[in-house]
Amino acid sequence: MSEKQLSKQTVSVQMPAELVEAMDRYGEAIERPRSWVMREAVSAYLAREDEKNRATRRALADIDAGRVVGHDAVRQWAASLDSDTPLPLPVPGA
């Protein structure tokens, strides 16, 4: 393991008591300490936010490149979904 992987820091944060209690209940249910639950929660949050950021950047690149579907095309497609002859899924640039 690298030195960075072994390095740890202690941090403190004020949280609502109800959230701490919920964390403790969850930790007890899965037989893990509060610190493990907090580490997993922060890791999962950061991974999710990172993916949202990447998805936003991909979407903005699509917009810049003109790979978009117009509002009217989406509205017409959505309105057709309950009909006997739904429209095909709109494609960018069509």
C-alpha atoms as a PDB file:
ATOM      1  CA  MET A   1       0.000   0.000   0.000  1.00  0.00           C
ATOM      2  CA  SER A   2       1.126   3.522  -0.689  1.00  0.00           C
ATOM      3  CA  GLU A   3       1.617   6.034   2.087  1.00  0.00           C
ATOM      4  CA  LYS A   4      -1.474   7.912   0.881  1.00  0.00           C
ATOM      5  CA  GLN A   5      -3.646   4.791   1.259  1.00  0.00           C
ATOM      6  CA  LEU A   6      -2.469   4.340   4.850  1.00  0.00           C
ATOM      7  CA  SER A   7      -2.882   7.986   5.769  1.00  0.00           C
ATOM      8  CA  LYS A   8      -6.032   8.861   7.678  1.00  0.00           C
ATOM      9  CA  GLN A   9      -7.434  12.054   9.132  1.00  0.00           C
ATOM     10  CA  THR A  10     -10.006  12.547  11.815  1.00  0.00           C
ATOM     11  CA  VAL A  11     -12.755  15.039  11.016  1.00  0.00           C
ATOM     12  CA  SER A  12     -15.716  16.228  13.008  1.00  0.00           C
ATOM     13  CA  VAL A  13     -19.078  17.389  11.799  1.00  0.00           C
ATOM     14  CA  GLN A  14     -22.231  18.494  13.541  1.00  0.00           C
ATOM     15  CA  MET A  15     -25.241  16.488  12.459  1.00  0.00           C
ATOM     16  CA  PRO A  16     -28.864  16.330  13.554  1.00  0.00           C
ATOM     17  CA  ALA A  17     -29.279  13.859  16.415  1.00  0.00           C
ATOM     18  CA  GLU A  18     -31.903  11.944  14.422  1.00  0.00           C
ATOM     19  CA  LEU A  19     -29.414  11.332  11.632  1.00  0.00           C
ATOM     20  CA  VAL A  20     -26.748  10.104  14.045  1.00  0.00           C
ATOM     21  CA  GLU A  21     -29.295   7.807  15.685  1.00  0.00           C
ATOM     22  CA  ALA A  22     -30.346   6.437  12.289  1.00  0.00           C
ATOM     23  CA  MET A  23     -26.687   5.860  11.420  1.00  0.00           C
ATOM     24  CA  ASP A  24     -26.125   4.046  14.697  1.00  0.00           C
ATOM     25  CA  ARG A  25     -29.223   1.862  14.200  1.00  0.00           C
ATOM     26  CA  TYR A  26     -28.039   0.956  10.716  1.00  0.00           C
ATOM     27  CA  GLY A  27     -24.528   0.236  11.948  1.00  0.00           C
ATOM     28  CA  GLU A  28     -25.875  -2.027  14.677  1.00  0.00           C
ATOM     29  CA  ALA A  29     -28.084  -3.847  12.167  1.00  0.00           C
ATOM     30  CA  ILE A  30     -25.125  -4.635   9.923  1.00  0.00           C
ATOM     31  CA  GLU A  31     -22.630  -4.984  12.776  1.00  0.00           C
ATOM     32  CA  ARG A  32     -20.456  -2.079  11.678  1.00  0.00           C
ATOM     33  CA  PRO A  33     -19.245   0.920  13.687  1.00  0.00           C
ATOM     34  CA  ARG A  34     -20.532   4.441  13.121  1.00  0.00           C
ATOM     35  CA  SER A  35     -17.238   5.449  11.516  1.00  0.00           C
ATOM     36  CA  TRP A  36     -17.642   2.732   8.870  1.00  0.00           C
ATOM     37  CA  VAL A  37     -21.211   3.836   8.106  1.00  0.00           C
ATOM     38  CA  MET A  38     -20.085   7.451   7.791  1.00  0.00           C
ATOM     39  CA  ARG A  39     -17.148   6.537   5.546  1.00  0.00           C
ATOM     40  CA  GLU A  40     -19.383   4.471   3.267  1.00  0.00           C
ATOM     41  CA  ALA A  41     -22.041   7.187   3.144  1.00  0.00           C
ATOM     42  CA  VAL A  42     -19.561   9.922   2.236  1.00  0.00           C
ATOM     43  CA  SER A  43     -17.875   7.690  -0.347  1.00  0.00           C
ATOM     44  CA  ALA A  44     -21.211   6.810  -1.959  1.00  0.00           C
ATOM     45  CA  TYR A  45     -22.314  10.461  -1.966  1.00  0.00           C
ATOM     46  CA  LEU A  46     -19.081  11.635  -3.600  1.00  0.00           C
ATOM     47  CA  ALA A  47     -19.228   8.875  -6.235  1.00  0.00           C
ATOM     48  CA  ARG A  48     -22.858   9.751  -7.056  1.00  0.00           C
ATOM     49  CA  GLU A  49     -22.099  13.473  -7.285  1.00  0.00           C
ATOM     50  CA  ASP A  50     -19.056  12.782  -9.465  1.00  0.00           C
ATOM     51  CA  GLU A  51     -21.199  10.731 -11.850  1.00  0.00           C
ATOM     52  CA  LYS A  52     -23.835  13.494 -11.954  1.00  0.00           C
ATOM     53  CA  ASN A  53     -21.086  15.981 -12.809  1.00  0.00           C
ATOM     54  CA  ARG A  54     -19.753  13.729 -15.602  1.00  0.00           C
ATOM     55  CA  ALA A  55     -23.290  13.225 -16.967  1.00  0.00           C
ATOM     56  CA  THR A  56     -23.888  16.977 -16.951  1.00  0.00           C
ATOM     57  CA  ARG A  57     -20.636  17.576 -18.830  1.00  0.00           C
ATOM     58  CA  ARG A  58     -21.590  14.904 -21.398  1.00  0.00           C
ATOM     59  CA  ALA A  59     -25.017  16.501 -21.816  1.00  0.00           C
ATOM     60  CA  LEU A  60     -23.499  19.950 -22.293  1.00  0.00           C
ATOM     61  CA  ALA A  61     -21.100  18.529 -24.897  1.00  0.00           C
ATOM     62  CA  ASP A  62     -24.095  16.995 -26.697  1.00  0.00           C
ATOM     63  CA  ILE A  63     -25.815  20.383 -26.699  1.00  0.00           C
ATOM     64  CA  ASP A  64     -22.696  22.107 -27.997  1.00  0.00           C
ATOM     65  CA  ALA A  65     -22.454  19.490 -30.770  1.00  0.00           C
ATOM     66  CA  GLY A  66     -26.125  19.879 -31.689  1.00  0.00           C
ATOM     67  CA  ARG A  67     -27.107  16.404 -30.513  1.00  0.00           C
ATOM     68  CA  VAL A  68     -30.478  17.495 -29.115  1.00  0.00           C
ATOM     69  CA  VAL A  69     -34.148  16.656 -29.549  1.00  0.00           C
ATOM     70  CA  GLY A  70     -36.570  19.558 -29.796  1.00  0.00           C
ATOM     71  CA  HIS A  71     -39.254  20.136 -27.199  1.00  0.00           C
ATOM     72  CA  ASP A  72     -42.102  19.748 -29.696  1.00  0.00           C
ATOM     73  CA  ALA A  73     -40.766  16.392 -30.907  1.00  0.00           C
ATOM     74  CA  VAL A  74     -40.533  15.095 -27.334  1.00  0.00           C
ATOM     75  CA  ARG A  75     -43.992  16.437 -26.497  1.00  0.00           C
ATOM     76  CA  GLN A  76     -45.547  14.789 -29.564  1.00  0.00           C
ATOM     77  CA  TRP A  77     -43.777  11.507 -28.853  1.00  0.00           C
ATOM     78  CA  ALA A  78     -44.879  11.524 -25.193  1.00  0.00           C
ATOM     79  CA  ALA A  79     -48.471  12.326 -26.149  1.00  0.00           C
ATOM     80  CA  SER A  80     -48.485   9.399 -28.585  1.00  0.00           C
ATOM     81  CA  LEU A  81     -47.446   6.804 -26.000  1.00  0.00           C
ATOM     82  CA  ASP A  82     -51.021   6.139 -24.861  1.00  0.00           C
ATOM     83  CA  SER A  83     -52.284   5.810 -28.432  1.00  0.00           C
ATOM     84  CA  ASP A  84     -52.675   2.711 -30.583  1.00  0.00           C
ATOM     85  CA  THR A  85     -49.845   3.972 -32.822  1.00  0.00           C
ATOM     86  CA  PRO A  86     -47.113   5.498 -30.661  1.00  0.00           C
ATOM     87  CA  LEU A  87     -44.447   7.476 -32.477  1.00  0.00           C
ATOM     88  CA  PRO A  88     -40.883   6.185 -32.547  1.00  0.00           C
ATOM     89  CA  LEU A  89     -38.477   7.620 -30.017  1.00  0.00           C
ATOM     90  CA  PRO A  90     -37.208  10.963 -31.311  1.00  0.00           C
ATOM     91  CA  VAL A  91     -33.565  11.054 -32.349  1.00  0.00           C
ATOM     92  CA  PRO A  92     -31.210  14.006 -32.026  1.00  0.00           C
ATOM     93  CA  GLY A  93     -30.941  16.198 -35.085  1.00  0.00           C
ATOM     94  CA  ALA A  94     -34.013  14.751 -36.807  1.00  0.00           C
END
